[in-house]
């Protein structure tokens, strides 16, 4: 989550960049991790950054599963 990580992992929907960045900070706060005020995540431990990213992925999977489940009931 250091500067430049966007180039290695580009977003599919470019318009989502700001929302994803904001969400990253929200997830960090939920986990009790103090997110960097300057936006540079390189000073955090790998464990903390991994926890934030892993929790984001877990939540995205839950959202996708929920959407899939709701599509099956909407006929």
C-alpha atoms as a PDB file:
ATOM      1  CA  UNK A   1       0.000   0.000   0.000  1.00  0.00           C
ATOM      2  CA  UNK A   2       2.997   2.183  -0.462  1.00  0.00           C
ATOM      3  CA  UNK A   3       3.118   4.907  -3.031  1.00  0.00           C
ATOM      4  CA  UNK A   4       3.079   3.523  -6.539  1.00  0.00           C
ATOM      5  CA  UNK A   5       1.121   0.378  -5.713  1.00  0.00           C
ATOM      6  CA  UNK A   6      -1.584   1.564  -8.102  1.00  0.00           C
ATOM      7  CA  UNK A   7       0.677   0.821 -11.057  1.00  0.00           C
ATOM      8  CA  UNK A   8       1.205  -2.807 -10.061  1.00  0.00           C
ATOM      9  CA  UNK A   9      -2.448  -3.388  -9.214  1.00  0.00           C
ATOM     10  CA  UNK A  10      -4.511  -1.070 -11.384  1.00  0.00           C
ATOM     11  CA  UNK A  11      -8.193  -0.706 -10.642  1.00  0.00           C
ATOM     12  CA  UNK A  12     -10.537  -2.115 -13.257  1.00  0.00           C
ATOM     13  CA  UNK A  13     -12.917   0.795 -12.698  1.00  0.00           C
ATOM     14  CA  UNK A  14     -10.741   3.915 -12.600  1.00  0.00           C
ATOM     15  CA  UNK A  15     -13.577   5.995 -11.093  1.00  0.00           C
ATOM     16  CA  UNK A  16     -13.449   3.819  -7.961  1.00  0.00           C
ATOM     17  CA  UNK A  17      -9.961   4.995  -6.959  1.00  0.00           C
ATOM     18  CA  UNK A  18     -11.062   7.591  -4.404  1.00  0.00           C
ATOM     19  CA  UNK A  19     -13.750   5.338  -2.918  1.00  0.00           C
ATOM     20  CA  UNK A  20     -11.283   2.438  -2.556  1.00  0.00           C
ATOM     21  CA  UNK A  21      -8.723   4.705  -0.906  1.00  0.00           C
ATOM     22  CA  UNK A  22     -11.310   6.013   1.557  1.00  0.00           C
ATOM     23  CA  UNK A  23     -12.513   2.475   2.258  1.00  0.00           C
ATOM     24  CA  UNK A  24      -8.928   1.381   2.974  1.00  0.00           C
ATOM     25  CA  UNK A  25      -8.711   4.015   5.722  1.00  0.00           C
ATOM     26  CA  UNK A  26     -12.100   2.967   7.125  1.00  0.00           C
ATOM     27  CA  UNK A  27     -11.040  -0.690   7.269  1.00  0.00           C
ATOM     28  CA  UNK A  28      -7.755   0.272   8.946  1.00  0.00           C
ATOM     29  CA  UNK A  29      -9.690   2.181  11.605  1.00  0.00           C
ATOM     30  CA  UNK A  30     -12.053  -0.772  12.124  1.00  0.00           C
ATOM     31  CA  UNK A  31      -9.025  -2.987  12.767  1.00  0.00           C
ATOM     32  CA  UNK A  32      -7.490  -0.508  15.205  1.00  0.00           C
ATOM     33  CA  UNK A  33      -4.642   0.338  12.848  1.00  0.00           C
ATOM     34  CA  UNK A  34      -3.664   3.999  12.683  1.00  0.00           C
ATOM     35  CA  UNK A  35      -3.615   4.792   8.969  1.00  0.00           C
ATOM     36  CA  UNK A  36      -0.966   7.236   7.776  1.00  0.00           C
ATOM     37  CA  UNK A  37      -2.193  10.825   7.531  1.00  0.00           C
ATOM     38  CA  UNK A  38       0.190  11.553   4.663  1.00  0.00           C
ATOM     39  CA  UNK A  39      -1.023   8.623   2.551  1.00  0.00           C
ATOM     40  CA  UNK A  40       2.294   6.740   2.642  1.00  0.00           C
ATOM     41  CA  UNK A  41       1.669   3.246   3.984  1.00  0.00           C
ATOM     42  CA  UNK A  42       5.313   2.169   3.743  1.00  0.00           C
ATOM     43  CA  UNK A  43       5.981   2.964   7.394  1.00  0.00           C
ATOM     44  CA  UNK A  44       3.399   0.430   8.597  1.00  0.00           C
ATOM     45  CA  UNK A  45       4.304  -3.190   9.180  1.00  0.00           C
ATOM     46  CA  UNK A  46       3.643  -5.776   6.506  1.00  0.00           C
ATOM     47  CA  UNK A  47       1.338  -7.510   8.972  1.00  0.00           C
ATOM     48  CA  UNK A  48      -0.819  -4.396   9.400  1.00  0.00           C
ATOM     49  CA  UNK A  49      -0.969  -3.652   5.674  1.00  0.00           C
ATOM     50  CA  UNK A  50      -1.790  -7.299   4.977  1.00  0.00           C
ATOM     51  CA  UNK A  51      -4.554  -7.234   7.579  1.00  0.00           C
ATOM     52  CA  UNK A  52      -6.128  -4.184   5.940  1.00  0.00           C
ATOM     53  CA  UNK A  53      -5.906  -5.676   2.444  1.00  0.00           C
ATOM     54  CA  UNK A  54      -7.117  -9.078   3.592  1.00  0.00           C
ATOM     55  CA  UNK A  55     -10.081  -7.587   5.413  1.00  0.00           C
ATOM     56  CA  UNK A  56     -10.978  -5.549   2.317  1.00  0.00           C
ATOM     57  CA  UNK A  57     -10.913  -8.707   0.181  1.00  0.00           C
ATOM     58  CA  UNK A  58     -13.038 -10.570   2.730  1.00  0.00           C
ATOM     59  CA  UNK A  59     -15.635  -7.784   2.666  1.00  0.00           C
ATOM     60  CA  UNK A  60     -15.626  -7.661  -1.154  1.00  0.00           C
ATOM     61  CA  UNK A  61     -16.245 -11.414  -1.306  1.00  0.00           C
ATOM     62  CA  UNK A  62     -19.126 -11.059   1.161  1.00  0.00           C
ATOM     63  CA  UNK A  63     -20.634  -8.264  -0.968  1.00  0.00           C
ATOM     64  CA  UNK A  64     -20.307 -10.326  -4.145  1.00  0.00           C
ATOM     65  CA  UNK A  65     -21.863 -13.390  -2.510  1.00  0.00           C
ATOM     66  CA  UNK A  66     -24.728 -11.262  -1.252  1.00  0.00           C
ATOM     67  CA  UNK A  67     -25.345  -9.830  -4.725  1.00  0.00           C
ATOM     68  CA  UNK A  68     -25.267 -13.298  -6.269  1.00  0.00           C
ATOM     69  CA  UNK A  69     -27.691 -14.606  -3.650  1.00  0.00           C
ATOM     70  CA  UNK A  70     -30.064 -11.678  -4.211  1.00  0.00           C
ATOM     71  CA  UNK A  71     -30.062 -12.188  -7.984  1.00  0.00           C
ATOM     72  CA  UNK A  72     -31.357 -15.713  -7.469  1.00  0.00           C
ATOM     73  CA  UNK A  73     -34.360 -14.428  -5.521  1.00  0.00           C
ATOM     74  CA  UNK A  74     -35.213 -11.571  -7.886  1.00  0.00           C
ATOM     75  CA  UNK A  75     -37.297 -13.241 -10.596  1.00  0.00           C
END
